[in-house]
């Protein structure tokens, strides 16, 4: 099992892929998109119907390829652009068929009338 930690950089393939692809084809996809598959980042792919997800990672000695096929339902959320930030917590929510919510910042600027003079 691959443990996703906050230290991992997650790279999400926004567009669905052909799930018949194995490790070599997925590494080729990474190279085609100017990504270094040997960098230890976790690459995340989904199928067209949203019923499966694959994770590819290099651990220094070889590649791990994990696949998850949902027994019920489909993905309820998937990032729409590569620039959309996805952290370890968000990925765990996605993999559990949840919908991540935007949390409000822990601080906010006060209106001018509440500022100290």
PDB file of N, CA and C in Angstrom:
ATOM      1  N   UNK A   1       0.842  -1.180   0.000  1.00  0.00           N
ATOM      2  CA  UNK A   1       0.000   0.000   0.000  1.00  0.00           C
ATOM      3  C   UNK A   1       0.882   1.236   0.000  1.00  0.00           C
ATOM      4  N   UNK A   2       0.512   2.196  -0.794  1.00  0.00           N
ATOM      5  CA  UNK A   2       1.227   3.462  -0.838  1.00  0.00           C
ATOM      6  C   UNK A   2       0.572   4.404   0.161  1.00  0.00           C
ATOM      7  N   UNK A   3       1.375   4.950   1.053  1.00  0.00           N
ATOM      8  CA  UNK A   3       0.854   5.928   2.001  1.00  0.00           C
ATOM      9  C   UNK A   3       1.103   7.316   1.433  1.00  0.00           C
ATOM     10  N   UNK A   4       0.041   8.092   1.315  1.00  0.00           N
ATOM     11  CA  UNK A   4       0.159   9.451   0.806  1.00  0.00           C
ATOM     12  C   UNK A   4       0.362  10.374   1.997  1.00  0.00           C
ATOM     13  N   UNK A   5       1.497  11.073   1.995  1.00  0.00           N
ATOM     14  CA  UNK A   5       1.819  11.960   3.103  1.00  0.00           C
ATOM     15  C   UNK A   5       1.881  13.404   2.602  1.00  0.00           C
ATOM     16  N   UNK A   6       1.841  14.370   3.512  1.00  0.00           N
ATOM     17  CA  UNK A   6       1.951  15.769   3.093  1.00  0.00           C
ATOM     18  C   UNK A   6       3.271  16.077   2.381  1.00  0.00           C
ATOM     19  N   UNK A   7       4.303  15.249   2.563  1.00  0.00           N
ATOM     20  CA  UNK A   7       5.592  15.490   1.920  1.00  0.00           C
ATOM     21  C   UNK A   7       5.591  15.083   0.448  1.00  0.00           C
ATOM     22  N   UNK A   8       4.633  14.261   0.036  1.00  0.00           N
ATOM     23  CA  UNK A   8       4.563  13.834  -1.360  1.00  0.00           C
ATOM     24  C   UNK A   8       4.026  14.949  -2.246  1.00  0.00           C
ATOM     25  N   UNK A   9       4.619  15.061  -3.406  1.00  0.00           N
ATOM     26  CA  UNK A   9       4.069  15.955  -4.418  1.00  0.00           C
ATOM     27  C   UNK A   9       3.123  15.105  -5.267  1.00  0.00           C
ATOM     28  N   UNK A  10       1.883  15.553  -5.379  1.00  0.00           N
ATOM     29  CA  UNK A  10       0.885  14.833  -6.163  1.00  0.00           C
ATOM     30  C   UNK A  10       0.733  15.499  -7.519  1.00  0.00           C
ATOM     31  N   UNK A  11       0.799  14.705  -8.559  1.00  0.00           N
ATOM     32  CA  UNK A  11       0.599  15.207  -9.912  1.00  0.00           C
ATOM     33  C   UNK A  11      -0.602  14.469 -10.484  1.00  0.00           C
ATOM     34  N   UNK A  12      -1.656  15.232 -10.778  1.00  0.00           N
ATOM     35  CA  UNK A  12      -2.927  14.662 -11.209  1.00  0.00           C
ATOM     36  C   UNK A  12      -3.067  14.789 -12.720  1.00  0.00           C
ATOM     37  N   UNK A  13      -3.397  13.672 -13.376  1.00  0.00           N
ATOM     38  CA  UNK A  13      -3.749  13.725 -14.792  1.00  0.00           C
ATOM     39  C   UNK A  13      -5.218  14.131 -14.854  1.00  0.00           C
ATOM     40  N   UNK A  14      -5.476  15.329 -15.308  1.00  0.00           N
ATOM     41  CA  UNK A  14      -6.837  15.856 -15.320  1.00  0.00           C
ATOM     42  C   UNK A  14      -7.709  15.091 -16.306  1.00  0.00           C
ATOM     43  N   UNK A  15      -7.162  14.784 -17.476  1.00  0.00           N
ATOM     44  CA  UNK A  15      -7.914  14.040 -18.486  1.00  0.00           C
ATOM     45  C   UNK A  15      -7.865  12.546 -18.176  1.00  0.00           C
ATOM     46  N   UNK A  16      -8.946  11.826 -18.457  1.00  0.00           N
ATOM     47  CA  UNK A  16      -8.933  10.375 -18.221  1.00  0.00           C
ATOM     48  C   UNK A  16      -7.972   9.666 -19.181  1.00  0.00           C
ATOM     49  N   UNK A  17      -7.509   8.497 -18.765  1.00  0.00           N
ATOM     50  CA  UNK A  17      -6.593   7.705 -19.593  1.00  0.00           C
ATOM     51  C   UNK A  17      -7.203   6.338 -19.871  1.00  0.00           C
ATOM     52  N   UNK A  18      -6.601   5.628 -20.819  1.00  0.00           N
ATOM     53  CA  UNK A  18      -6.974   4.252 -21.129  1.00  0.00           C
ATOM     54  C   UNK A  18      -6.402   3.369 -20.019  1.00  0.00           C
ATOM     55  N   UNK A  19      -7.260   2.696 -19.288  1.00  0.00           N
ATOM     56  CA  UNK A  19      -6.795   1.925 -18.130  1.00  0.00           C
ATOM     57  C   UNK A  19      -6.152   0.591 -18.489  1.00  0.00           C
ATOM     58  N   UNK A  20      -6.008   0.299 -19.780  1.00  0.00           N
ATOM     59  CA  UNK A  20      -5.249  -0.884 -20.170  1.00  0.00           C
ATOM     60  C   UNK A  20      -3.757  -0.603 -20.082  1.00  0.00           C
ATOM     61  N   UNK A  21      -3.374   0.657 -19.894  1.00  0.00           N
ATOM     62  CA  UNK A  21      -1.965   1.048 -19.809  1.00  0.00           C
ATOM     63  C   UNK A  21      -1.342   0.505 -18.523  1.00  0.00           C
ATOM     64  N   UNK A  22      -0.125   0.001 -18.663  1.00  0.00           N
ATOM     65  CA  UNK A  22       0.629  -0.489 -17.525  1.00  0.00           C
ATOM     66  C   UNK A  22       1.687   0.520 -17.106  1.00  0.00           C
ATOM     67  N   UNK A  23       2.655   0.059 -16.333  1.00  0.00           N
ATOM     68  CA  UNK A  23       3.682   0.943 -15.786  1.00  0.00           C
ATOM     69  C   UNK A  23       4.457   1.665 -16.883  1.00  0.00           C
ATOM     70  N   UNK A  24       4.944   0.928 -17.877  1.00  0.00           N
ATOM     71  CA  UNK A  24       5.764   1.555 -18.916  1.00  0.00           C
ATOM     72  C   UNK A  24       4.998   2.622 -19.688  1.00  0.00           C
ATOM     73  N   UNK A  25       3.751   2.361 -20.015  1.00  0.00           N
ATOM     74  CA  UNK A  25       2.944   3.339 -20.757  1.00  0.00           C
ATOM     75  C   UNK A  25       2.658   4.568 -19.897  1.00  0.00           C
ATOM     76  N   UNK A  26       2.441   4.375 -18.596  1.00  0.00           N
ATOM     77  CA  UNK A  26       2.181   5.506 -17.705  1.00  0.00           C
ATOM     78  C   UNK A  26       3.448   6.351 -17.517  1.00  0.00           C
ATOM     79  N   UNK A  27       4.602   5.688 -17.424  1.00  0.00           N
ATOM     80  CA  UNK A  27       5.870   6.422 -17.355  1.00  0.00           C
ATOM     81  C   UNK A  27       6.038   7.237 -18.638  1.00  0.00           C
ATOM     82  N   UNK A  28       5.670   6.655 -19.779  1.00  0.00           N
ATOM     83  CA  UNK A  28       5.727   7.374 -21.049  1.00  0.00           C
ATOM     84  C   UNK A  28       4.825   8.595 -21.058  1.00  0.00           C
ATOM     85  N   UNK A  29       3.630   8.474 -20.469  1.00  0.00           N
ATOM     86  CA  UNK A  29       2.725   9.629 -20.352  1.00  0.00           C
ATOM     87  C   UNK A  29       3.361  10.729 -19.511  1.00  0.00           C
ATOM     88  N   UNK A  30       4.017  10.332 -18.437  1.00  0.00           N
ATOM     89  CA  UNK A  30       4.687  11.322 -17.582  1.00  0.00           C
ATOM     90  C   UNK A  30       5.760  12.053 -18.380  1.00  0.00           C
ATOM     91  N   UNK A  31       6.589  11.307 -19.097  1.00  0.00           N
ATOM     92  CA  UNK A  31       7.660  11.922 -19.902  1.00  0.00           C
ATOM     93  C   UNK A  31       7.080  12.844 -20.965  1.00  0.00           C
ATOM     94  N   UNK A  32       6.005  12.409 -21.601  1.00  0.00           N
ATOM     95  CA  UNK A  32       5.371  13.214 -22.648  1.00  0.00           C
ATOM     96  C   UNK A  32       4.918  14.567 -22.100  1.00  0.00           C
ATOM     97  N   UNK A  33       4.555  14.609 -20.826  1.00  0.00           N
ATOM     98  CA  UNK A  33       4.105  15.840 -20.182  1.00  0.00           C
ATOM     99  C   UNK A  33       5.214  16.508 -19.377  1.00  0.00           C
ATOM    100  N   UNK A  34       6.478  16.245 -19.742  1.00  0.00           N
ATOM    101  CA  UNK A  34       7.654  16.841 -19.113  1.00  0.00           C
ATOM    102  C   UNK A  34       7.704  16.613 -17.599  1.00  0.00           C
ATOM    103  N   UNK A  35       7.310  15.450 -17.161  1.00  0.00           N
ATOM    104  CA  UNK A  35       7.391  15.085 -15.742  1.00  0.00           C
ATOM    105  C   UNK A  35       8.423  13.974 -15.588  1.00  0.00           C
ATOM    106  N   UNK A  36       9.169  13.997 -14.491  1.00  0.00           N
ATOM    107  CA  UNK A  36      10.161  12.977 -14.217  1.00  0.00           C
ATOM    108  C   UNK A  36       9.527  11.889 -13.359  1.00  0.00           C
ATOM    109  N   UNK A  37       9.213  10.767 -13.971  1.00  0.00           N
ATOM    110  CA  UNK A  37       8.559   9.674 -13.260  1.00  0.00           C
ATOM    111  C   UNK A  37       9.453   9.072 -12.168  1.00  0.00           C
ATOM    112  N   UNK A  38      10.756   9.348 -12.233  1.00  0.00           N
ATOM    113  CA  UNK A  38      11.698   8.806 -11.254  1.00  0.00           C
ATOM    114  C   UNK A  38      11.929   9.752 -10.073  1.00  0.00           C
ATOM    115  N   UNK A  39      11.165  10.829  -9.981  1.00  0.00           N
ATOM    116  CA  UNK A  39      11.372  11.835  -8.939  1.00  0.00           C
ATOM    117  C   UNK A  39      10.749  11.466  -7.592  1.00  0.00           C
ATOM    118  N   UNK A  40       9.956  10.412  -7.548  1.00  0.00           N
ATOM    119  CA  UNK A  40       9.326  10.020  -6.284  1.00  0.00           C
ATOM    120  C   UNK A  40       7.981  10.683  -6.049  1.00  0.00           C
ATOM    121  N   UNK A  41       7.505  11.449  -7.027  1.00  0.00           N
ATOM    122  CA  UNK A  41       6.179  12.054  -6.908  1.00  0.00           C
ATOM    123  C   UNK A  41       5.118  10.980  -7.140  1.00  0.00           C
ATOM    124  N   UNK A  42       3.922  11.246  -6.663  1.00  0.00           N
ATOM    125  CA  UNK A  42       2.814  10.325  -6.907  1.00  0.00           C
ATOM    126  C   UNK A  42       2.005  10.872  -8.079  1.00  0.00           C
ATOM    127  N   UNK A  43       1.896  10.059  -9.114  1.00  0.00           N
ATOM    128  CA  UNK A  43       1.122  10.416 -10.299  1.00  0.00           C
ATOM    129  C   UNK A  43      -0.228   9.714 -10.202  1.00  0.00           C
ATOM    130  N   UNK A  44      -1.303  10.469 -10.388  1.00  0.00           N
ATOM    131  CA  UNK A  44      -2.646   9.943 -10.196  1.00  0.00           C
ATOM    132  C   UNK A  44      -3.419  10.037 -11.511  1.00  0.00           C
ATOM    133  N   UNK A  45      -4.033   8.929 -11.894  1.00  0.00           N
ATOM    134  CA  UNK A  45      -4.787   8.836 -13.139  1.00  0.00           C
ATOM    135  C   UNK A  45      -6.183   8.286 -12.853  1.00  0.00           C
ATOM    136  N   UNK A  46      -7.129   8.631 -13.711  1.00  0.00           N
ATOM    137  CA  UNK A  46      -8.490   8.080 -13.591  1.00  0.00           C
ATOM    138  C   UNK A  46      -8.931   7.537 -14.938  1.00  0.00           C
ATOM    139  N   UNK A  47      -9.920   6.634 -14.899  1.00  0.00           N
ATOM    140  CA  UNK A  47     -10.455   6.143 -16.163  1.00  0.00           C
ATOM    141  C   UNK A  47     -11.592   7.048 -16.638  1.00  0.00           C
ATOM    142  N   UNK A  48     -12.061   6.799 -17.846  1.00  0.00           N
ATOM    143  CA  UNK A  48     -13.066   7.663 -18.473  1.00  0.00           C
ATOM    144  C   UNK A  48     -14.376   7.684 -17.693  1.00  0.00           C
ATOM    145  N   UNK A  49     -14.808   6.542 -17.196  1.00  0.00           N
ATOM    146  CA  UNK A  49     -16.097   6.480 -16.488  1.00  0.00           C
ATOM    147  C   UNK A  49     -16.024   6.939 -15.034  1.00  0.00           C
ATOM    148  N   UNK A  50     -14.811   7.120 -14.521  1.00  0.00           N
ATOM    149  CA  UNK A  50     -14.663   7.559 -13.139  1.00  0.00           C
ATOM    150  C   UNK A  50     -14.903   6.458 -12.125  1.00  0.00           C
ATOM    151  N   UNK A  51     -14.716   5.204 -12.547  1.00  0.00           N
ATOM    152  CA  UNK A  51     -14.926   4.078 -11.641  1.00  0.00           C
ATOM    153  C   UNK A  51     -13.624   3.528 -11.080  1.00  0.00           C
ATOM    154  N   UNK A  52     -12.493   4.023 -11.584  1.00  0.00           N
ATOM    155  CA  UNK A  52     -11.187   3.526 -11.136  1.00  0.00           C
ATOM    156  C   UNK A  52     -10.157   4.639 -11.116  1.00  0.00           C
ATOM    157  N   UNK A  53      -9.160   4.445 -10.256  1.00  0.00           N
ATOM    158  CA  UNK A  53      -8.044   5.376 -10.115  1.00  0.00           C
ATOM    159  C   UNK A  53      -6.764   4.552 -10.055  1.00  0.00           C
ATOM    160  N   UNK A  54      -5.687   5.053 -10.687  1.00  0.00           N
ATOM    161  CA  UNK A  54      -4.372   4.420 -10.593  1.00  0.00           C
ATOM    162  C   UNK A  54      -3.379   5.426 -10.039  1.00  0.00           C
ATOM    163  N   UNK A  55      -2.481   4.950  -9.168  1.00  0.00           N
ATOM    164  CA  UNK A  55      -1.406   5.763  -8.616  1.00  0.00           C
ATOM    165  C   UNK A  55      -0.081   5.120  -8.997  1.00  0.00           C
ATOM    166  N   UNK A  56       0.836   5.929  -9.514  1.00  0.00           N
ATOM    167  CA  UNK A  56       2.152   5.461  -9.924  1.00  0.00           C
ATOM    168  C   UNK A  56       3.201   6.230  -9.131  1.00  0.00           C
ATOM    169  N   UNK A  57       4.167   5.518  -8.545  1.00  0.00           N
ATOM    170  CA  UNK A  57       5.240   6.175  -7.810  1.00  0.00           C
ATOM    171  C   UNK A  57       6.512   5.331  -7.901  1.00  0.00           C
ATOM    172  N   UNK A  58       7.638   6.008  -7.977  1.00  0.00           N
ATOM    173  CA  UNK A  58       8.942   5.354  -7.976  1.00  0.00           C
ATOM    174  C   UNK A  58       9.537   5.505  -6.591  1.00  0.00           C
ATOM    175  N   UNK A  59       9.959   4.390  -5.971  1.00  0.00           N
ATOM    176  CA  UNK A  59      10.456   4.444  -4.591  1.00  0.00           C
ATOM    177  C   UNK A  59      11.981   4.365  -4.483  1.00  0.00           C
ATOM    178  N   UNK A  60      12.688   4.476  -5.596  1.00  0.00           N
ATOM    179  CA  UNK A  60      14.146   4.392  -5.565  1.00  0.00           C
ATOM    180  C   UNK A  60      14.663   3.056  -6.057  1.00  0.00           C
ATOM    181  N   UNK A  61      13.847   2.019  -5.962  1.00  0.00           N
ATOM    182  CA  UNK A  61      14.258   0.698  -6.449  1.00  0.00           C
ATOM    183  C   UNK A  61      13.345   0.168  -7.541  1.00  0.00           C
ATOM    184  N   UNK A  62      12.202   0.773  -7.694  1.00  0.00           N
ATOM    185  CA  UNK A  62      11.255   0.325  -8.712  1.00  0.00           C
ATOM    186  C   UNK A  62       9.954   1.103  -8.618  1.00  0.00           C
ATOM    187  N   UNK A  63       9.066   0.806  -9.546  1.00  0.00           N
ATOM    188  CA  UNK A  63       7.778   1.488  -9.582  1.00  0.00           C
ATOM    189  C   UNK A  63       6.717   0.692  -8.839  1.00  0.00           C
ATOM    190  N   UNK A  64       5.853   1.427  -8.168  1.00  0.00           N
ATOM    191  CA  UNK A  64       4.639   0.880  -7.576  1.00  0.00           C
ATOM    192  C   UNK A  64       3.485   1.377  -8.432  1.00  0.00           C
ATOM    193  N   UNK A  65       2.573   0.490  -8.745  1.00  0.00           N
ATOM    194  CA  UNK A  65       1.351   0.872  -9.452  1.00  0.00           C
ATOM    195  C   UNK A  65       0.192   0.321  -8.645  1.00  0.00           C
ATOM    196  N   UNK A  66      -0.582   1.221  -8.084  1.00  0.00           N
ATOM    197  CA  UNK A  66      -1.754   0.826  -7.299  1.00  0.00           C
ATOM    198  C   UNK A  66      -3.007   1.208  -8.064  1.00  0.00           C
ATOM    199  N   UNK A  67      -3.975   0.350  -8.043  1.00  0.00           N
ATOM    200  CA  UNK A  67      -5.249   0.624  -8.701  1.00  0.00           C
ATOM    201  C   UNK A  67      -6.373   0.450  -7.687  1.00  0.00           C
ATOM    202  N   UNK A  68      -7.344   1.341  -7.771  1.00  0.00           N
ATOM    203  CA  UNK A  68      -8.528   1.213  -6.931  1.00  0.00           C
ATOM    204  C   UNK A  68      -9.741   1.258  -7.845  1.00  0.00           C
ATOM    205  N   UNK A  69     -10.547   0.211  -7.788  1.00  0.00           N
ATOM    206  CA  UNK A  69     -11.810   0.179  -8.516  1.00  0.00           C
ATOM    207  C   UNK A  69     -12.921   0.264  -7.479  1.00  0.00           C
ATOM    208  N   UNK A  70     -13.771   1.262  -7.640  1.00  0.00           N
ATOM    209  CA  UNK A  70     -14.829   1.484  -6.665  1.00  0.00           C
ATOM    210  C   UNK A  70     -15.898   0.405  -6.795  1.00  0.00           C
ATOM    211  N   UNK A  71     -16.273  -0.194  -5.683  1.00  0.00           N
ATOM    212  CA  UNK A  71     -17.282  -1.257  -5.714  1.00  0.00           C
ATOM    213  C   UNK A  71     -18.678  -0.690  -5.925  1.00  0.00           C
ATOM    214  N   UNK A  72     -18.868   0.553  -5.516  1.00  0.00           N
ATOM    215  CA  UNK A  72     -20.168   1.207  -5.708  1.00  0.00           C
ATOM    216  C   UNK A  72     -19.930   2.634  -6.156  1.00  0.00           C
ATOM    217  N   UNK A  73     -20.638   3.058  -7.177  1.00  0.00           N
ATOM    218  CA  UNK A  73     -20.594   4.449  -7.590  1.00  0.00           C
ATOM    219  C   UNK A  73     -19.347   4.821  -8.369  1.00  0.00           C
ATOM    220  N   UNK A  74     -19.191   6.133  -8.537  1.00  0.00           N
ATOM    221  CA  UNK A  74     -18.079   6.690  -9.296  1.00  0.00           C
ATOM    222  C   UNK A  74     -17.452   7.823  -8.489  1.00  0.00           C
ATOM    223  N   UNK A  75     -16.370   8.358  -9.025  1.00  0.00           N
ATOM    224  CA  UNK A  75     -15.745   9.528  -8.402  1.00  0.00           C
ATOM    225  C   UNK A  75     -16.749  10.669  -8.377  1.00  0.00           C
ATOM    226  N   UNK A  76     -16.874  11.307  -7.253  1.00  0.00           N
ATOM    227  CA  UNK A  76     -17.785  12.447  -7.145  1.00  0.00           C
ATOM    228  C   UNK A  76     -17.082  13.755  -7.449  1.00  0.00           C
ATOM    229  N   UNK A  77     -15.740  13.713  -7.473  1.00  0.00           N
ATOM    230  CA  UNK A  77     -14.968  14.925  -7.713  1.00  0.00           C
ATOM    231  C   UNK A  77     -13.666  14.552  -8.402  1.00  0.00           C
ATOM    232  N   UNK A  78     -13.219  15.409  -9.316  1.00  0.00           N
ATOM    233  CA  UNK A  78     -11.904  15.275  -9.931  1.00  0.00           C
ATOM    234  C   UNK A  78     -11.449  16.674 -10.330  1.00  0.00           C
ATOM    235  N   UNK A  79     -10.211  17.033 -10.089  1.00  0.00           N
ATOM    236  CA  UNK A  79      -9.726  18.372 -10.446  1.00  0.00           C
ATOM    237  C   UNK A  79      -9.944  18.663 -11.934  1.00  0.00           C
ATOM    238  N   UNK A  80     -10.298  19.903 -12.233  1.00  0.00           N
ATOM    239  CA  UNK A  80     -10.583  20.300 -13.616  1.00  0.00           C
ATOM    240  C   UNK A  80      -9.376  20.914 -14.326  1.00  0.00           C
ATOM    241  N   UNK A  81      -8.365  21.339 -13.572  1.00  0.00           N
ATOM    242  CA  UNK A  81      -7.169  21.895 -14.198  1.00  0.00           C
ATOM    243  C   UNK A  81      -5.934  21.435 -13.428  1.00  0.00           C
ATOM    244  N   UNK A  82      -4.797  21.337 -14.123  1.00  0.00           N
ATOM    245  CA  UNK A  82      -3.572  20.908 -13.451  1.00  0.00           C
ATOM    246  C   UNK A  82      -3.099  21.887 -12.383  1.00  0.00           C
ATOM    247  N   UNK A  83      -3.526  23.139 -12.466  1.00  0.00           N
ATOM    248  CA  UNK A  83      -3.108  24.149 -11.498  1.00  0.00           C
ATOM    249  C   UNK A  83      -3.904  24.063 -10.196  1.00  0.00           C
ATOM    250  N   UNK A  84      -4.989  23.318 -10.197  1.00  0.00           N
ATOM    251  CA  UNK A  84      -5.810  23.199  -8.991  1.00  0.00           C
ATOM    252  C   UNK A  84      -5.012  22.456  -7.919  1.00  0.00           C
ATOM    253  N   UNK A  85      -4.823  23.065  -6.742  1.00  0.00           N
ATOM    254  CA  UNK A  85      -3.983  22.428  -5.724  1.00  0.00           C
ATOM    255  C   UNK A  85      -4.660  21.188  -5.126  1.00  0.00           C
ATOM    256  N   UNK A  86      -3.879  20.120  -5.033  1.00  0.00           N
ATOM    257  CA  UNK A  86      -4.373  18.885  -4.421  1.00  0.00           C
ATOM    258  C   UNK A  86      -3.318  18.437  -3.417  1.00  0.00           C
ATOM    259  N   UNK A  87      -3.689  18.415  -2.155  1.00  0.00           N
ATOM    260  CA  UNK A  87      -2.776  17.970  -1.099  1.00  0.00           C
ATOM    261  C   UNK A  87      -3.118  16.529  -0.724  1.00  0.00           C
ATOM    262  N   UNK A  88      -2.364  15.963   0.189  1.00  0.00           N
ATOM    263  CA  UNK A  88      -2.579  14.584   0.613  1.00  0.00           C
ATOM    264  C   UNK A  88      -3.981  14.393   1.184  1.00  0.00           C
ATOM    265  N   UNK A  89      -4.445  15.339   1.979  1.00  0.00           N
ATOM    266  CA  UNK A  89      -5.778  15.233   2.577  1.00  0.00           C
ATOM    267  C   UNK A  89      -6.859  15.247   1.507  1.00  0.00           C
ATOM    268  N   UNK A  90      -6.732  16.161   0.551  1.00  0.00           N
ATOM    269  CA  UNK A  90      -7.702  16.236  -0.538  1.00  0.00           C
ATOM    270  C   UNK A  90      -7.715  14.946  -1.339  1.00  0.00           C
ATOM    271  N   UNK A  91      -6.529  14.377  -1.619  1.00  0.00           N
ATOM    272  CA  UNK A  91      -6.471  13.134  -2.387  1.00  0.00           C
ATOM    273  C   UNK A  91      -7.136  11.998  -1.633  1.00  0.00           C
ATOM    274  N   UNK A  92      -6.962  11.930  -0.328  1.00  0.00           N
ATOM    275  CA  UNK A  92      -7.621  10.884   0.452  1.00  0.00           C
ATOM    276  C   UNK A  92      -9.143  11.027   0.391  1.00  0.00           C
ATOM    277  N   UNK A  93      -9.635  12.254   0.404  1.00  0.00           N
ATOM    278  CA  UNK A  93     -11.077  12.485   0.284  1.00  0.00           C
ATOM    279  C   UNK A  93     -11.555  12.024  -1.087  1.00  0.00           C
ATOM    280  N   UNK A  94     -10.811  12.369  -2.148  1.00  0.00           N
ATOM    281  CA  UNK A  94     -11.178  11.960  -3.501  1.00  0.00           C
ATOM    282  C   UNK A  94     -11.193  10.440  -3.615  1.00  0.00           C
ATOM    283  N   UNK A  95     -10.161   9.776  -3.086  1.00  0.00           N
ATOM    284  CA  UNK A  95     -10.073   8.316  -3.172  1.00  0.00           C
ATOM    285  C   UNK A  95     -11.168   7.615  -2.380  1.00  0.00           C
ATOM    286  N   UNK A  96     -11.766   8.308  -1.436  1.00  0.00           N
ATOM    287  CA  UNK A  96     -12.882   7.745  -0.681  1.00  0.00           C
ATOM    288  C   UNK A  96     -14.223   8.233  -1.210  1.00  0.00           C
ATOM    289  N   UNK A  97     -14.220   8.697  -2.461  1.00  0.00           N
ATOM    290  CA  UNK A  97     -15.404   9.136  -3.181  1.00  0.00           C
ATOM    291  C   UNK A  97     -16.100  10.318  -2.523  1.00  0.00           C
ATOM    292  N   UNK A  98     -15.333  11.156  -1.869  1.00  0.00           N
ATOM    293  CA  UNK A  98     -15.879  12.355  -1.256  1.00  0.00           C
ATOM    294  C   UNK A  98     -15.669  13.565  -2.140  1.00  0.00           C
ATOM    295  N   UNK A  99     -16.192  14.675  -1.678  1.00  0.00           N
ATOM    296  CA  UNK A  99     -16.024  15.945  -2.374  1.00  0.00           C
ATOM    297  C   UNK A  99     -15.305  16.896  -1.426  1.00  0.00           C
ATOM    298  N   UNK A 100     -14.061  17.267  -1.755  1.00  0.00           N
ATOM    299  CA  UNK A 100     -13.343  18.197  -0.873  1.00  0.00           C
ATOM    300  C   UNK A 100     -14.018  19.557  -0.889  1.00  0.00           C
ATOM    301  N   UNK A 101     -14.036  20.185   0.254  1.00  0.00           N
ATOM    302  CA  UNK A 101     -14.614  21.525   0.352  1.00  0.00           C
ATOM    303  C   UNK A 101     -13.499  22.522   0.560  1.00  0.00           C
ATOM    304  N   UNK A 102     -13.750  23.726   0.165  1.00  0.00           N
ATOM    305  CA  UNK A 102     -12.771  24.792   0.410  1.00  0.00           C
ATOM    306  C   UNK A 102     -12.961  25.276   1.827  1.00  0.00           C
ATOM    307  N   UNK A 103     -11.894  25.224   2.580  1.00  0.00           N
ATOM    308  CA  UNK A 103     -11.937  25.714   3.947  1.00  0.00           C
ATOM    309  C   UNK A 103     -11.628  27.200   3.946  1.00  0.00           C
ATOM    310  N   UNK A 104     -12.308  27.922   4.794  1.00  0.00           N
ATOM    311  CA  UNK A 104     -12.007  29.341   4.891  1.00  0.00           C
ATOM    312  C   UNK A 104     -10.667  29.500   5.592  1.00  0.00           C
ATOM    313  N   UNK A 105      -9.932  30.542   5.290  1.00  0.00           N
ATOM    314  CA  UNK A 105      -8.631  30.719   5.942  1.00  0.00           C
ATOM    315  C   UNK A 105      -8.800  30.872   7.452  1.00  0.00           C
ATOM    316  N   UNK A 106      -7.761  30.533   8.175  1.00  0.00           N
ATOM    317  CA  UNK A 106      -7.836  30.591   9.635  1.00  0.00           C
ATOM    318  C   UNK A 106      -7.777  32.029  10.156  1.00  0.00           C
ATOM    319  N   UNK A 107      -7.520  32.979   9.282  1.00  0.00           N
ATOM    320  CA  UNK A 107      -7.522  34.383   9.685  1.00  0.00           C
ATOM    321  C   UNK A 107      -8.130  35.193   8.553  1.00  0.00           C
ATOM    322  N   UNK A 108      -8.571  36.365   8.882  1.00  0.00           N
ATOM    323  CA  UNK A 108      -9.112  37.250   7.860  1.00  0.00           C
ATOM    324  C   UNK A 108      -8.812  38.684   8.256  1.00  0.00           C
ATOM    325  N   UNK A 109      -8.775  39.541   7.271  1.00  0.00           N
ATOM    326  CA  UNK A 109      -8.477  40.939   7.524  1.00  0.00           C
ATOM    327  C   UNK A 109      -9.725  41.614   8.074  1.00  0.00           C
ATOM    328  N   UNK A 110      -9.531  42.405   9.119  1.00  0.00           N
ATOM    329  CA  UNK A 110     -10.651  43.147   9.702  1.00  0.00           C
ATOM    330  C   UNK A 110     -10.936  44.393   8.887  1.00  0.00           C
ATOM    331  N   UNK A 111     -12.207  44.816   8.877  1.00  0.00           N
ATOM    332  CA  UNK A 111     -12.526  46.087   8.205  1.00  0.00           C
ATOM    333  C   UNK A 111     -11.785  47.237   8.888  1.00  0.00           C
ATOM    334  N   UNK A 112     -11.617  48.333   8.186  1.00  0.00           N
ATOM    335  CA  UNK A 112     -10.877  49.483   8.681  1.00  0.00           C
ATOM    336  C   UNK A 112     -11.430  50.004  10.006  1.00  0.00           C
ATOM    337  N   UNK A 113     -12.720  49.882  10.236  1.00  0.00           N
ATOM    338  CA  UNK A 113     -13.324  50.419  11.471  1.00  0.00           C
ATOM    339  C   UNK A 113     -12.916  49.618  12.703  1.00  0.00           C
ATOM    340  N   UNK A 114     -12.402  48.396  12.550  1.00  0.00           N
ATOM    341  CA  UNK A 114     -11.996  47.579  13.694  1.00  0.00           C
ATOM    342  C   UNK A 114     -10.498  47.569  13.940  1.00  0.00           C
ATOM    343  N   UNK A 115      -9.742  48.221  13.114  1.00  0.00           N
ATOM    344  CA  UNK A 115      -8.297  48.248  13.273  1.00  0.00           C
ATOM    345  C   UNK A 115      -7.896  49.201  14.377  1.00  0.00           C
ATOM    346  N   UNK A 116      -6.794  48.856  15.029  1.00  0.00           N
ATOM    347  CA  UNK A 116      -6.258  49.737  16.077  1.00  0.00           C
ATOM    348  C   UNK A 116      -5.643  50.966  15.421  1.00  0.00           C
ATOM    349  N   UNK A 117      -5.828  52.103  16.054  1.00  0.00           N
ATOM    350  CA  UNK A 117      -5.322  53.359  15.481  1.00  0.00           C
ATOM    351  C   UNK A 117      -3.897  53.601  15.889  1.00  0.00           C
TER     352      UNK A 117
END
